[in-house]
Amino acid sequence: MAELEFANLKGETLTKPPGSINGESFTLKNLEDCSVYILDYTSEVEVTNCNNCQIFIGPVDGPAIFDACSKCQVAVACQQFQAKNCTDIEFGLYCATQPSITSSSDIRFGCWMGAYPSLTQHFGAANLDPKTNMWDKAYDVSGEEGHPGFEIIENVHYWEVPIQGSAAPDNPVPAADGTLYSSGTSQANGKSSFDELPSENGHAPMPPAVPAPTQALGPLMPDEDHLATVVDMKEKMRQRLAAQEEKEAAAKVELIQKAATFLESFYQRRGVQKEQRTKDNRSAEKVMAVKGPEGDSEWERTINLINFGFSRPSGSDLSRYKNILFTAKAKNVPIKA
């Protein structure tokens, strides 16, 4: 759905105002030199192949996934965070769980520093607790021990986004030092929310305010029908995941049972074969002990043990060996013990 994505754009300012997404998933892909403002709560956000962009993402009731992005400045609040194949990105991050990166470098994490009208309300709609922020607990899945592909920084760009005709911006998330936001915090810190970024990053200046939409905005909180739809979608997803886990668990049990049955059968066959070989060997020993080779002398009994009609596969000439044996028999050569 085109209204739920920004894709294949360059040098644009892209905005989704409050009430325009209402808990749906959203996608950003193939953006260059763009300023993006997602000023609503979502269920999931995927950001792919975005370069030289400024990206502001309001509360996400699920994962925020960044893939193959570079040279960006990002503010994002989410339940889960993952960055893979990314480089040279600064994140102002709120994350309810431990963030992770994979195959990425020069990633910088700072505490969430963002504000816009109704942000506190959207945190509640996305089931995010503003006081539980694990922005500084990141983990590099593919990094070497002691040399992660990220660093923790204290100062990040403050995103304060006013909306024409709306209340003042708000932010329920404490800063890294525990202080709470108040309107005009960014100016009090000596930095305007809408200062130009360094020119070498290739970013265009941010606008002084997000323009009001041409049509009336929907309610900040979803209506009952929409909320019921979101709840139904989440329940169906939970049921699918539960069914998949149950199926995988049953397959695992079946595989273990098959392996156990095979091993039991194998050991039974080996035991029967071993017992039969032992029985055959003992029978042969008894026959030899009772009957023994015939002959009046040791040489006769020795010769009677040999099958001279046996033909060797290699065709070796055994005539000389035979002559020696028969000569020893005829002369009854003494056998020394």
C-alpha atoms as a PDB file:
ATOM      1  CA  MET A   1       0.000   0.000   0.000  1.00  0.00           C
ATOM      2  CA  ALA A   2       1.554   3.262  -1.180  1.00  0.00           C
ATOM      3  CA  GLU A   3       0.135   5.221   1.763  1.00  0.00           C
ATOM      4  CA  LEU A   4       2.081   2.972   4.133  1.00  0.00           C
ATOM      5  CA  GLU A   5       5.506   3.455   2.560  1.00  0.00           C
ATOM      6  CA  PHE A   6       7.950   6.022   1.259  1.00  0.00           C
ATOM      7  CA  ALA A   7      10.040   4.527  -1.549  1.00  0.00           C
ATOM      8  CA  ASN A   8      12.389   5.448  -4.405  1.00  0.00           C
ATOM      9  CA  LEU A   9      12.666   9.168  -3.642  1.00  0.00           C
ATOM     10  CA  LYS A  10      15.518  11.697  -3.560  1.00  0.00           C
ATOM     11  CA  GLY A  11      15.796  15.102  -1.912  1.00  0.00           C
ATOM     12  CA  GLU A  12      12.247  15.106  -0.515  1.00  0.00           C
ATOM     13  CA  THR A  13      10.718  16.082   2.829  1.00  0.00           C
ATOM     14  CA  LEU A  14       8.297  13.287   3.720  1.00  0.00           C
ATOM     15  CA  THR A  15       5.769  13.495   6.552  1.00  0.00           C
ATOM     16  CA  LYS A  16       3.171  11.222   8.151  1.00  0.00           C
ATOM     17  CA  PRO A  17       1.212  13.312  10.692  1.00  0.00           C
ATOM     18  CA  PRO A  18      -0.581  11.961  13.782  1.00  0.00           C
ATOM     19  CA  GLY A  19      -3.597   9.801  12.954  1.00  0.00           C
ATOM     20  CA  SER A  20      -2.373   8.868   9.452  1.00  0.00           C
ATOM     21  CA  ILE A  21      -0.975   5.390  10.306  1.00  0.00           C
ATOM     22  CA  ASN A  22      -2.709   4.362  13.558  1.00  0.00           C
ATOM     23  CA  GLY A  23      -0.736   1.219  14.391  1.00  0.00           C
ATOM     24  CA  GLU A  24      -0.166  -0.196  10.888  1.00  0.00           C
ATOM     25  CA  SER A  25       3.262  -1.269   9.632  1.00  0.00           C
ATOM     26  CA  PHE A  26       5.343   1.171   7.579  1.00  0.00           C
ATOM     27  CA  THR A  27       8.228   0.864   5.111  1.00  0.00           C
ATOM     28  CA  LEU A  28      11.020   3.216   4.032  1.00  0.00           C
ATOM     29  CA  LYS A  29      13.190   2.037   1.142  1.00  0.00           C
ATOM     30  CA  ASN A  30      15.549   3.413  -1.481  1.00  0.00           C
ATOM     31  CA  LEU A  31      15.608   6.973  -0.141  1.00  0.00           C
ATOM     32  CA  GLU A  32      18.462   9.433  -0.680  1.00  0.00           C
ATOM     33  CA  ASP A  33      18.975  12.916   0.788  1.00  0.00           C
ATOM     34  CA  CYS A  34      15.480  12.874   2.299  1.00  0.00           C
ATOM     35  CA  SER A  35      14.052  14.216   5.578  1.00  0.00           C
ATOM     36  CA  VAL A  36      11.427  11.804   6.910  1.00  0.00           C
ATOM     37  CA  TYR A  37       8.985  12.384   9.800  1.00  0.00           C
ATOM     38  CA  ILE A  38       6.803   9.478  10.969  1.00  0.00           C
ATOM     39  CA  LEU A  39       4.778  11.338  13.607  1.00  0.00           C
ATOM     40  CA  ASP A  40       2.425   8.497  14.529  1.00  0.00           C
ATOM     41  CA  TYR A  41       2.621   5.102  16.194  1.00  0.00           C
ATOM     42  CA  THR A  42       3.139   1.945  14.096  1.00  0.00           C
ATOM     43  CA  SER A  43       3.249  -1.841  14.581  1.00  0.00           C
ATOM     44  CA  GLU A  44       6.504  -2.384  12.642  1.00  0.00           C
ATOM     45  CA  VAL A  45       8.941  -0.294  10.610  1.00  0.00           C
ATOM     46  CA  GLU A  46      11.442  -1.517   8.013  1.00  0.00           C
ATOM     47  CA  VAL A  47      14.075   0.891   6.692  1.00  0.00           C
ATOM     48  CA  THR A  48      16.059  -0.435   3.716  1.00  0.00           C
ATOM     49  CA  ASN A  49      18.753   1.145   1.547  1.00  0.00           C
ATOM     50  CA  CYS A  50      18.389   4.692   2.803  1.00  0.00           C
ATOM     51  CA  ASN A  51      21.406   6.979   2.431  1.00  0.00           C
ATOM     52  CA  ASN A  52      22.195  10.524   3.558  1.00  0.00           C
ATOM     53  CA  CYS A  53      18.786  10.838   5.214  1.00  0.00           C
ATOM     54  CA  GLN A  54      17.326  12.330   8.382  1.00  0.00           C
ATOM     55  CA  ILE A  55      14.683   9.948   9.730  1.00  0.00           C
ATOM     56  CA  PHE A  56      12.356  10.512  12.683  1.00  0.00           C
ATOM     57  CA  ILE A  57      10.198   7.517  13.659  1.00  0.00           C
ATOM     58  CA  GLY A  58       7.557   7.751  16.384  1.00  0.00           C
ATOM     59  CA  PRO A  59       6.695   4.834  18.736  1.00  0.00           C
ATOM     60  CA  VAL A  60       6.769   1.337  17.196  1.00  0.00           C
ATOM     61  CA  ASP A  61       4.815  -1.444  18.916  1.00  0.00           C
ATOM     62  CA  GLY A  62       7.192  -4.037  17.492  1.00  0.00           C
ATOM     63  CA  PRO A  63      10.514  -4.177  15.623  1.00  0.00           C
ATOM     64  CA  ALA A  64      12.332  -1.343  13.891  1.00  0.00           C
ATOM     65  CA  ILE A  65      14.712  -2.934  11.362  1.00  0.00           C
ATOM     66  CA  PHE A  66      17.404  -1.007   9.482  1.00  0.00           C
ATOM     67  CA  ASP A  67      19.125  -2.796   6.589  1.00  0.00           C
ATOM     68  CA  ALA A  68      21.838  -1.547   4.221  1.00  0.00           C
ATOM     69  CA  CYS A  69      21.607   2.095   5.302  1.00  0.00           C
ATOM     70  CA  SER A  70      24.457   4.617   5.584  1.00  0.00           C
ATOM     71  CA  LYS A  71      25.296   8.208   6.543  1.00  0.00           C
ATOM     72  CA  CYS A  72      21.963   8.837   8.259  1.00  0.00           C
ATOM     73  CA  GLN A  73      20.777  10.614  11.377  1.00  0.00           C
ATOM     74  CA  VAL A  74      17.904   8.750  13.019  1.00  0.00           C
ATOM     75  CA  ALA A  75      15.554   9.086  15.965  1.00  0.00           C
ATOM     76  CA  VAL A  76      13.486   5.956  16.630  1.00  0.00           C
ATOM     77  CA  ALA A  77      11.421   4.571  19.530  1.00  0.00           C
ATOM     78  CA  CYS A  78      10.559   0.856  19.397  1.00  0.00           C
ATOM     79  CA  GLN A  79      10.007  -2.425  21.215  1.00  0.00           C
ATOM     80  CA  GLN A  80      12.853  -4.191  19.377  1.00  0.00           C
ATOM     81  CA  PHE A  81      15.726  -2.722  17.364  1.00  0.00           C
ATOM     82  CA  GLN A  82      18.012  -4.318  14.798  1.00  0.00           C
ATOM     83  CA  ALA A  83      20.527  -2.801  12.386  1.00  0.00           C
ATOM     84  CA  LYS A  84      22.296  -4.968   9.805  1.00  0.00           C
ATOM     85  CA  ASN A  85      24.730  -4.114   7.029  1.00  0.00           C
ATOM     86  CA  CYS A  86      24.677  -0.461   8.082  1.00  0.00           C
ATOM     87  CA  THR A  87      27.475   2.074   8.422  1.00  0.00           C
ATOM     88  CA  ASP A  88      28.000   5.636   9.736  1.00  0.00           C
ATOM     89  CA  ILE A  89      24.617   6.176  11.409  1.00  0.00           C
ATOM     90  CA  GLU A  90      23.722   8.110  14.562  1.00  0.00           C
ATOM     91  CA  PHE A  91      20.674   6.796  16.421  1.00  0.00           C
ATOM     92  CA  GLY A  92      18.782   8.721  19.074  1.00  0.00           C
ATOM     93  CA  LEU A  93      17.224   5.583  20.460  1.00  0.00           C
ATOM     94  CA  TYR A  94      14.458   4.440  22.744  1.00  0.00           C
ATOM     95  CA  CYS A  95      14.260   0.640  22.902  1.00  0.00           C
ATOM     96  CA  ALA A  96      12.271  -1.444  25.375  1.00  0.00           C
ATOM     97  CA  THR A  97      14.577  -4.459  24.814  1.00  0.00           C
ATOM     98  CA  GLN A  98      18.280  -4.919  24.113  1.00  0.00           C
ATOM     99  CA  PRO A  99      19.183  -3.433  20.701  1.00  0.00           C
ATOM    100  CA  SER A 100      21.370  -5.480  18.349  1.00  0.00           C
ATOM    101  CA  ILE A 101      23.491  -4.841  15.276  1.00  0.00           C
ATOM    102  CA  THR A 102      24.899  -7.298  12.723  1.00  0.00           C
ATOM    103  CA  SER A 103      27.634  -6.768  10.123  1.00  0.00           C
ATOM    104  CA  SER A 104      27.595  -3.026  10.786  1.00  0.00           C
ATOM    105  CA  SER A 105      30.232  -0.389  11.601  1.00  0.00           C
ATOM    106  CA  ASP A 106      30.537   3.180  12.879  1.00  0.00           C
ATOM    107  CA  ILE A 107      27.129   3.010  14.576  1.00  0.00           C
ATOM    108  CA  ARG A 108      26.532   5.593  17.304  1.00  0.00           C
ATOM    109  CA  PHE A 109      23.835   5.219  19.951  1.00  0.00           C
ATOM    110  CA  GLY A 110      22.533   8.095  22.037  1.00  0.00           C
ATOM    111  CA  CYS A 111      19.465   8.375  24.240  1.00  0.00           C
ATOM    112  CA  TRP A 112      16.157   9.256  22.576  1.00  0.00           C
ATOM    113  CA  MET A 113      15.871  13.039  22.201  1.00  0.00           C
ATOM    114  CA  GLY A 114      12.662  13.703  20.307  1.00  0.00           C
ATOM    115  CA  ALA A 115       9.393  15.533  20.813  1.00  0.00           C
ATOM    116  CA  TYR A 116       6.233  16.215  18.850  1.00  0.00           C
ATOM    117  CA  PRO A 117       2.559  16.840  19.777  1.00  0.00           C
ATOM    118  CA  SER A 118       0.838  13.696  21.171  1.00  0.00           C
ATOM    119  CA  LEU A 119       4.088  11.704  21.464  1.00  0.00           C
ATOM    120  CA  THR A 120       3.210  10.712  25.052  1.00  0.00           C
ATOM    121  CA  GLN A 121      -0.177   9.452  23.858  1.00  0.00           C
ATOM    122  CA  HIS A 122       1.478   7.449  21.091  1.00  0.00           C
ATOM    123  CA  PHE A 123       3.904   5.825  23.549  1.00  0.00           C
ATOM    124  CA  GLY A 124       0.866   4.512  25.412  1.00  0.00           C
ATOM    125  CA  ALA A 125      -0.821   3.298  22.214  1.00  0.00           C
ATOM    126  CA  ALA A 126       2.375   1.425  21.261  1.00  0.00           C
ATOM    127  CA  ASN A 127       2.615  -0.209  24.725  1.00  0.00           C
ATOM    128  CA  LEU A 128       5.991   1.405  25.456  1.00  0.00           C
ATOM    129  CA  ASP A 129       7.036   2.340  28.999  1.00  0.00           C
ATOM    130  CA  PRO A 130       8.997   5.615  28.710  1.00  0.00           C
ATOM    131  CA  LYS A 131      10.975   4.814  31.871  1.00  0.00           C
ATOM    132  CA  THR A 132      12.334   1.521  30.475  1.00  0.00           C
ATOM    133  CA  ASN A 133      14.903   2.486  27.853  1.00  0.00           C
ATOM    134  CA  MET A 134      17.787   0.123  26.990  1.00  0.00           C
ATOM    135  CA  TRP A 135      19.372   2.439  24.418  1.00  0.00           C
ATOM    136  CA  ASP A 136      22.856   1.971  25.953  1.00  0.00           C
ATOM    137  CA  LYS A 137      22.689  -1.863  26.232  1.00  0.00           C
ATOM    138  CA  ALA A 138      23.365  -2.606  22.562  1.00  0.00           C
ATOM    139  CA  TYR A 139      24.895  -5.922  21.457  1.00  0.00           C
ATOM    140  CA  ASP A 140      26.990  -6.576  18.329  1.00  0.00           C
ATOM    141  CA  VAL A 141      26.091 -10.079  17.145  1.00  0.00           C
ATOM    142  CA  SER A 142      28.923 -10.313  14.606  1.00  0.00           C
ATOM    143  CA  GLY A 143      31.533  -8.114  16.296  1.00  0.00           C
ATOM    144  CA  GLU A 144      34.784  -9.269  17.832  1.00  0.00           C
ATOM    145  CA  GLU A 145      34.984  -9.337  21.608  1.00  0.00           C
ATOM    146  CA  GLY A 146      36.126  -5.966  22.874  1.00  0.00           C
ATOM    147  CA  HIS A 147      35.723  -4.376  19.419  1.00  0.00           C
ATOM    148  CA  PRO A 148      32.011  -3.811  18.740  1.00  0.00           C
ATOM    149  CA  GLY A 149      30.827  -1.974  15.653  1.00  0.00           C
ATOM    150  CA  PHE A 150      29.120   0.713  17.728  1.00  0.00           C
ATOM    151  CA  GLU A 151      29.812   3.323  20.381  1.00  0.00           C
ATOM    152  CA  ILE A 152      27.688   5.029  23.033  1.00  0.00           C
ATOM    153  CA  ILE A 153      27.571   8.823  22.818  1.00  0.00           C
ATOM    154  CA  GLU A 154      26.169  11.413  25.220  1.00  0.00           C
ATOM    155  CA  ASN A 155      25.056  14.173  22.898  1.00  0.00           C
ATOM    156  CA  VAL A 156      22.696  13.572  19.988  1.00  0.00           C
ATOM    157  CA  HIS A 157      20.661  15.864  17.779  1.00  0.00           C
ATOM    158  CA  TYR A 158      17.420  16.931  19.494  1.00  0.00           C
ATOM    159  CA  TRP A 159      14.345  16.490  17.322  1.00  0.00           C
ATOM    160  CA  GLU A 160      11.632  18.937  18.379  1.00  0.00           C
ATOM    161  CA  VAL A 161       8.918  18.868  15.730  1.00  0.00           C
ATOM    162  CA  PRO A 162       6.046  21.347  16.078  1.00  0.00           C
ATOM    163  CA  ILE A 163       2.888  20.876  14.027  1.00  0.00           C
ATOM    164  CA  GLN A 164       0.871  23.873  12.923  1.00  0.00           C
ATOM    165  CA  GLY A 165      -2.462  24.087  14.713  1.00  0.00           C
ATOM    166  CA  SER A 166      -1.497  21.453  17.325  1.00  0.00           C
ATOM    167  CA  ALA A 167      -0.434  21.584  20.951  1.00  0.00           C
ATOM    168  CA  ALA A 168       3.189  22.045  21.939  1.00  0.00           C
ATOM    169  CA  PRO A 169       5.554  19.095  21.424  1.00  0.00           C
ATOM    170  CA  ASP A 170       5.886  16.639  24.301  1.00  0.00           C
ATOM    171  CA  ASN A 171       8.284  13.799  25.195  1.00  0.00           C
ATOM    172  CA  PRO A 172       7.742  11.340  28.089  1.00  0.00           C
ATOM    173  CA  VAL A 173      11.210   9.707  27.874  1.00  0.00           C
ATOM    174  CA  PRO A 174      13.845  10.856  30.393  1.00  0.00           C
ATOM    175  CA  ALA A 175      17.144  12.033  28.959  1.00  0.00           C
ATOM    176  CA  ALA A 176      20.358  10.118  29.640  1.00  0.00           C
ATOM    177  CA  ASP A 177      20.875  12.157  32.822  1.00  0.00           C
ATOM    178  CA  GLY A 178      17.315  11.443  34.006  1.00  0.00           C
ATOM    179  CA  THR A 179      15.889  14.894  33.311  1.00  0.00           C
ATOM    180  CA  LEU A 180      12.474  15.218  31.691  1.00  0.00           C
ATOM    181  CA  TYR A 181      11.633  17.224  28.606  1.00  0.00           C
ATOM    182  CA  SER A 182      10.032  20.631  28.716  1.00  0.00           C
ATOM    183  CA  SER A 183       9.060  22.723  25.710  1.00  0.00           C
ATOM    184  CA  GLY A 184      12.055  24.568  24.319  1.00  0.00           C
ATOM    185  CA  THR A 185      14.605  22.147  25.774  1.00  0.00           C
ATOM    186  CA  SER A 186      16.591  22.059  22.567  1.00  0.00           C
ATOM    187  CA  GLN A 187      16.939  25.840  22.489  1.00  0.00           C
ATOM    188  CA  ALA A 188      17.856  25.905  26.188  1.00  0.00           C
ATOM    189  CA  ASN A 189      20.680  23.513  25.414  1.00  0.00           C
ATOM    190  CA  GLY A 190      22.019  25.946  22.870  1.00  0.00           C
ATOM    191  CA  LYS A 191      20.914  23.906  19.863  1.00  0.00           C
ATOM    192  CA  SER A 192      17.890  24.482  17.699  1.00  0.00           C
ATOM    193  CA  SER A 193      15.908  21.458  16.627  1.00  0.00           C
ATOM    194  CA  PHE A 194      16.072  22.686  13.067  1.00  0.00           C
ATOM    195  CA  ASP A 195      19.686  23.745  12.701  1.00  0.00           C
ATOM    196  CA  GLU A 196      21.309  22.635   9.472  1.00  0.00           C
ATOM    197  CA  LEU A 197      23.404  19.517   9.748  1.00  0.00           C
ATOM    198  CA  PRO A 198      27.068  19.752   8.762  1.00  0.00           C
ATOM    199  CA  SER A 199      27.330  20.367   5.036  1.00  0.00           C
ATOM    200  CA  GLU A 200      29.667  17.451   4.501  1.00  0.00           C
ATOM    201  CA  ASN A 201      26.842  15.056   5.338  1.00  0.00           C
ATOM    202  CA  GLY A 202      24.913  16.314   2.330  1.00  0.00           C
ATOM    203  CA  HIS A 203      21.639  16.900   4.232  1.00  0.00           C
ATOM    204  CA  ALA A 204      19.203  19.641   3.380  1.00  0.00           C
ATOM    205  CA  PRO A 205      18.009  21.934   6.227  1.00  0.00           C
ATOM    206  CA  MET A 206      14.981  20.786   8.177  1.00  0.00           C
ATOM    207  CA  PRO A 207      11.802  22.855   7.694  1.00  0.00           C
ATOM    208  CA  PRO A 208      10.824  25.221  10.508  1.00  0.00           C
ATOM    209  CA  ALA A 209       7.629  23.251  11.139  1.00  0.00           C
ATOM    210  CA  VAL A 210       5.698  20.367   9.682  1.00  0.00           C
ATOM    211  CA  PRO A 211       2.926  21.862   7.559  1.00  0.00           C
ATOM    212  CA  ALA A 212      -0.625  21.087   8.533  1.00  0.00           C
ATOM    213  CA  PRO A 213      -2.280  18.506   6.241  1.00  0.00           C
ATOM    214  CA  THR A 214      -4.724  19.784   3.603  1.00  0.00           C
ATOM    215  CA  GLN A 215      -7.485  17.593   5.022  1.00  0.00           C
ATOM    216  CA  ALA A 216      -8.590  17.146   8.595  1.00  0.00           C
ATOM    217  CA  LEU A 217      -6.563  14.696  10.634  1.00  0.00           C
ATOM    218  CA  GLY A 218      -8.161  11.656  12.204  1.00  0.00           C
ATOM    219  CA  PRO A 219      -8.313  11.272  15.971  1.00  0.00           C
ATOM    220  CA  LEU A 220      -5.041  10.846  17.798  1.00  0.00           C
ATOM    221  CA  MET A 221      -6.285   7.626  19.354  1.00  0.00           C
ATOM    222  CA  PRO A 222      -7.769   4.993  17.012  1.00  0.00           C
ATOM    223  CA  ASP A 223     -11.544   4.481  16.963  1.00  0.00           C
ATOM    224  CA  GLU A 224     -13.061   1.287  18.331  1.00  0.00           C
ATOM    225  CA  ASP A 225     -13.374  -0.430  14.929  1.00  0.00           C
ATOM    226  CA  HIS A 226      -9.743   0.211  14.057  1.00  0.00           C
ATOM    227  CA  LEU A 227      -8.575  -0.869  17.502  1.00  0.00           C
ATOM    228  CA  ALA A 228     -10.613  -4.077  17.174  1.00  0.00           C
ATOM    229  CA  THR A 229      -8.967  -4.728  13.796  1.00  0.00           C
ATOM    230  CA  VAL A 230      -5.474  -4.243  15.240  1.00  0.00           C
ATOM    231  CA  VAL A 231      -6.283  -6.493  18.208  1.00  0.00           C
ATOM    232  CA  ASP A 232      -7.689  -9.143  15.855  1.00  0.00           C
ATOM    233  CA  MET A 233      -4.552  -9.015  13.659  1.00  0.00           C
ATOM    234  CA  LYS A 234      -2.305  -9.400  16.699  1.00  0.00           C
ATOM    235  CA  GLU A 235      -4.359 -12.327  18.000  1.00  0.00           C
ATOM    236  CA  LYS A 236      -4.221 -14.076  14.608  1.00  0.00           C
ATOM    237  CA  MET A 237      -0.455 -13.564  14.502  1.00  0.00           C
ATOM    238  CA  ARG A 238      -0.124 -14.949  18.025  1.00  0.00           C
ATOM    239  CA  GLN A 239      -2.202 -17.992  17.049  1.00  0.00           C
ATOM    240  CA  ARG A 240      -0.088 -18.585  13.925  1.00  0.00           C
ATOM    241  CA  LEU A 241       3.116 -18.379  15.932  1.00  0.00           C
ATOM    242  CA  ALA A 242       1.708 -20.705  18.594  1.00  0.00           C
ATOM    243  CA  ALA A 243       0.599 -23.209  15.930  1.00  0.00           C
ATOM    244  CA  GLN A 244       4.023 -23.054  14.279  1.00  0.00           C
ATOM    245  CA  GLU A 245       5.792 -23.625  17.603  1.00  0.00           C
ATOM    246  CA  GLU A 246       3.488 -26.557  18.368  1.00  0.00           C
ATOM    247  CA  LYS A 247       4.142 -28.048  14.921  1.00  0.00           C
ATOM    248  CA  GLU A 248       7.909 -27.680  15.291  1.00  0.00           C
ATOM    249  CA  ALA A 249       7.806 -29.199  18.787  1.00  0.00           C
ATOM    250  CA  ALA A 250       5.802 -32.195  17.498  1.00  0.00           C
ATOM    251  CA  ALA A 251       8.231 -32.681  14.600  1.00  0.00           C
ATOM    252  CA  LYS A 252      11.162 -32.574  17.019  1.00  0.00           C
ATOM    253  CA  VAL A 253       9.549 -35.197  19.286  1.00  0.00           C
ATOM    254  CA  GLU A 254       8.833 -37.410  16.261  1.00  0.00           C
ATOM    255  CA  LEU A 255      12.428 -37.097  15.052  1.00  0.00           C
ATOM    256  CA  ILE A 256      13.785 -38.021  18.495  1.00  0.00           C
ATOM    257  CA  GLN A 257      11.463 -41.037  18.663  1.00  0.00           C
ATOM    258  CA  LYS A 258      12.536 -42.221  15.195  1.00  0.00           C
ATOM    259  CA  ALA A 259      16.198 -41.867  16.153  1.00  0.00           C
ATOM    260  CA  ALA A 260      15.643 -43.810  19.387  1.00  0.00           C
ATOM    261  CA  THR A 261      13.781 -46.577  17.498  1.00  0.00           C
ATOM    262  CA  PHE A 262      16.546 -46.836  14.904  1.00  0.00           C
ATOM    263  CA  LEU A 263      19.269 -47.066  17.555  1.00  0.00           C
ATOM    264  CA  GLU A 264      17.349 -49.715  19.470  1.00  0.00           C
ATOM    265  CA  SER A 265      16.847 -51.769  16.292  1.00  0.00           C
ATOM    266  CA  PHE A 266      20.503 -51.353  15.341  1.00  0.00           C
ATOM    267  CA  TYR A 267      21.781 -52.553  18.700  1.00  0.00           C
ATOM    268  CA  GLN A 268      19.345 -55.484  18.666  1.00  0.00           C
ATOM    269  CA  ARG A 269      20.565 -56.605  15.212  1.00  0.00           C
ATOM    270  CA  ARG A 270      24.168 -56.215  16.241  1.00  0.00           C
ATOM    271  CA  GLY A 271      23.546 -58.232  19.420  1.00  0.00           C
ATOM    272  CA  VAL A 272      21.877 -61.070  17.483  1.00  0.00           C
ATOM    273  CA  GLN A 273      24.702 -61.141  14.928  1.00  0.00           C
ATOM    274  CA  LYS A 274      27.348 -61.135  17.643  1.00  0.00           C
ATOM    275  CA  GLU A 275      25.604 -63.943  19.507  1.00  0.00           C
ATOM    276  CA  GLN A 276      25.336 -65.991  16.301  1.00  0.00           C
ATOM    277  CA  ARG A 277      29.038 -65.514  15.486  1.00  0.00           C
ATOM    278  CA  THR A 278      29.991 -66.601  19.005  1.00  0.00           C
ATOM    279  CA  LYS A 279      27.787 -69.683  18.687  1.00  0.00           C
ATOM    280  CA  ASP A 280      29.286 -70.602  15.285  1.00  0.00           C
ATOM    281  CA  ASN A 281      32.839 -70.166  16.570  1.00  0.00           C
ATOM    282  CA  ARG A 282      32.182 -72.352  19.578  1.00  0.00           C
ATOM    283  CA  SER A 283      30.639 -75.074  17.380  1.00  0.00           C
ATOM    284  CA  ALA A 284      33.666 -75.056  15.103  1.00  0.00           C
ATOM    285  CA  GLU A 285      35.985 -75.277  18.112  1.00  0.00           C
ATOM    286  CA  LYS A 286      34.081 -78.288  19.450  1.00  0.00           C
ATOM    287  CA  VAL A 287      34.250 -80.065  16.083  1.00  0.00           C
ATOM    288  CA  MET A 288      37.991 -79.494  15.873  1.00  0.00           C
ATOM    289  CA  ALA A 289      38.506 -80.588  19.460  1.00  0.00           C
ATOM    290  CA  VAL A 290      36.458 -83.765  19.073  1.00  0.00           C
ATOM    291  CA  LYS A 291      37.388 -84.884  15.572  1.00  0.00           C
ATOM    292  CA  GLY A 292      40.728 -83.275  14.810  1.00  0.00           C
ATOM    293  CA  PRO A 293      42.778 -83.955  11.665  1.00  0.00           C
ATOM    294  CA  GLU A 294      43.452 -87.609  10.655  1.00  0.00           C
ATOM    295  CA  GLY A 295      46.946 -89.109  10.240  1.00  0.00           C
ATOM    296  CA  ASP A 296      49.560 -91.229  12.012  1.00  0.00           C
ATOM    297  CA  SER A 297      52.165 -88.484  12.200  1.00  0.00           C
ATOM    298  CA  GLU A 298      52.279 -84.744  12.711  1.00  0.00           C
ATOM    299  CA  TRP A 299      53.107 -84.198   9.053  1.00  0.00           C
ATOM    300  CA  GLU A 300      50.126 -86.314   7.890  1.00  0.00           C
ATOM    301  CA  ARG A 301      47.766 -84.441  10.177  1.00  0.00           C
ATOM    302  CA  THR A 302      49.244 -81.130   8.995  1.00  0.00           C
ATOM    303  CA  ILE A 303      48.837 -82.042   5.325  1.00  0.00           C
ATOM    304  CA  ASN A 304      45.246 -83.193   5.935  1.00  0.00           C
ATOM    305  CA  LEU A 305      44.423 -79.699   7.267  1.00  0.00           C
ATOM    306  CA  ILE A 306      45.456 -78.130   3.950  1.00  0.00           C
ATOM    307  CA  ASN A 307      43.125 -77.908   0.944  1.00  0.00           C
ATOM    308  CA  PHE A 308      45.515 -78.429  -1.959  1.00  0.00           C
ATOM    309  CA  GLY A 309      42.663 -78.082  -4.455  1.00  0.00           C
ATOM    310  CA  PHE A 310      42.195 -74.452  -3.526  1.00  0.00           C
ATOM    311  CA  SER A 311      43.217 -72.111  -6.343  1.00  0.00           C
ATOM    312  CA  ARG A 312      44.676 -68.780  -5.291  1.00  0.00           C
ATOM    313  CA  PRO A 313      43.192 -65.787  -7.146  1.00  0.00           C
ATOM    314  CA  SER A 314      46.686 -64.450  -7.887  1.00  0.00           C
ATOM    315  CA  GLY A 315      47.722 -67.693  -9.532  1.00  0.00           C
ATOM    316  CA  SER A 316      50.777 -68.173  -7.297  1.00  0.00           C
ATOM    317  CA  ASP A 317      52.766 -71.374  -7.867  1.00  0.00           C
ATOM    318  CA  LEU A 318      52.569 -73.451  -4.656  1.00  0.00           C
ATOM    319  CA  SER A 319      54.123 -76.613  -6.107  1.00  0.00           C
ATOM    320  CA  ARG A 320      57.432 -76.125  -4.315  1.00  0.00           C
ATOM    321  CA  TYR A 321      55.636 -75.622  -0.986  1.00  0.00           C
ATOM    322  CA  LYS A 322      53.666 -78.826  -1.618  1.00  0.00           C
ATOM    323  CA  ASN A 323      56.878 -80.771  -2.469  1.00  0.00           C
ATOM    324  CA  ILE A 324      58.502 -79.658   0.776  1.00  0.00           C
ATOM    325  CA  LEU A 325      55.487 -80.785   2.825  1.00  0.00           C
ATOM    326  CA  PHE A 326      55.245 -84.193   1.145  1.00  0.00           C
ATOM    327  CA  THR A 327      59.036 -84.743   1.420  1.00  0.00           C
ATOM    328  CA  ALA A 328      58.861 -83.935   5.149  1.00  0.00           C
ATOM    329  CA  LYS A 329      55.967 -86.383   5.472  1.00  0.00           C
ATOM    330  CA  ALA A 330      57.794 -89.173   3.595  1.00  0.00           C
ATOM    331  CA  LYS A 331      60.969 -88.771   5.631  1.00  0.00           C
ATOM    332  CA  ASN A 332      59.007 -88.059   8.842  1.00  0.00           C
ATOM    333  CA  VAL A 333      61.266 -85.133   9.646  1.00  0.00           C
ATOM    334  CA  PRO A 334      61.215 -84.548  13.406  1.00  0.00           C
ATOM    335  CA  ILE A 335      59.270 -81.497  14.568  1.00  0.00           C
ATOM    336  CA  LYS A 336      60.954 -79.574  17.332  1.00  0.00           C
ATOM    337  CA  ALA A 337      58.685 -78.109  19.961  1.00  0.00           C
END
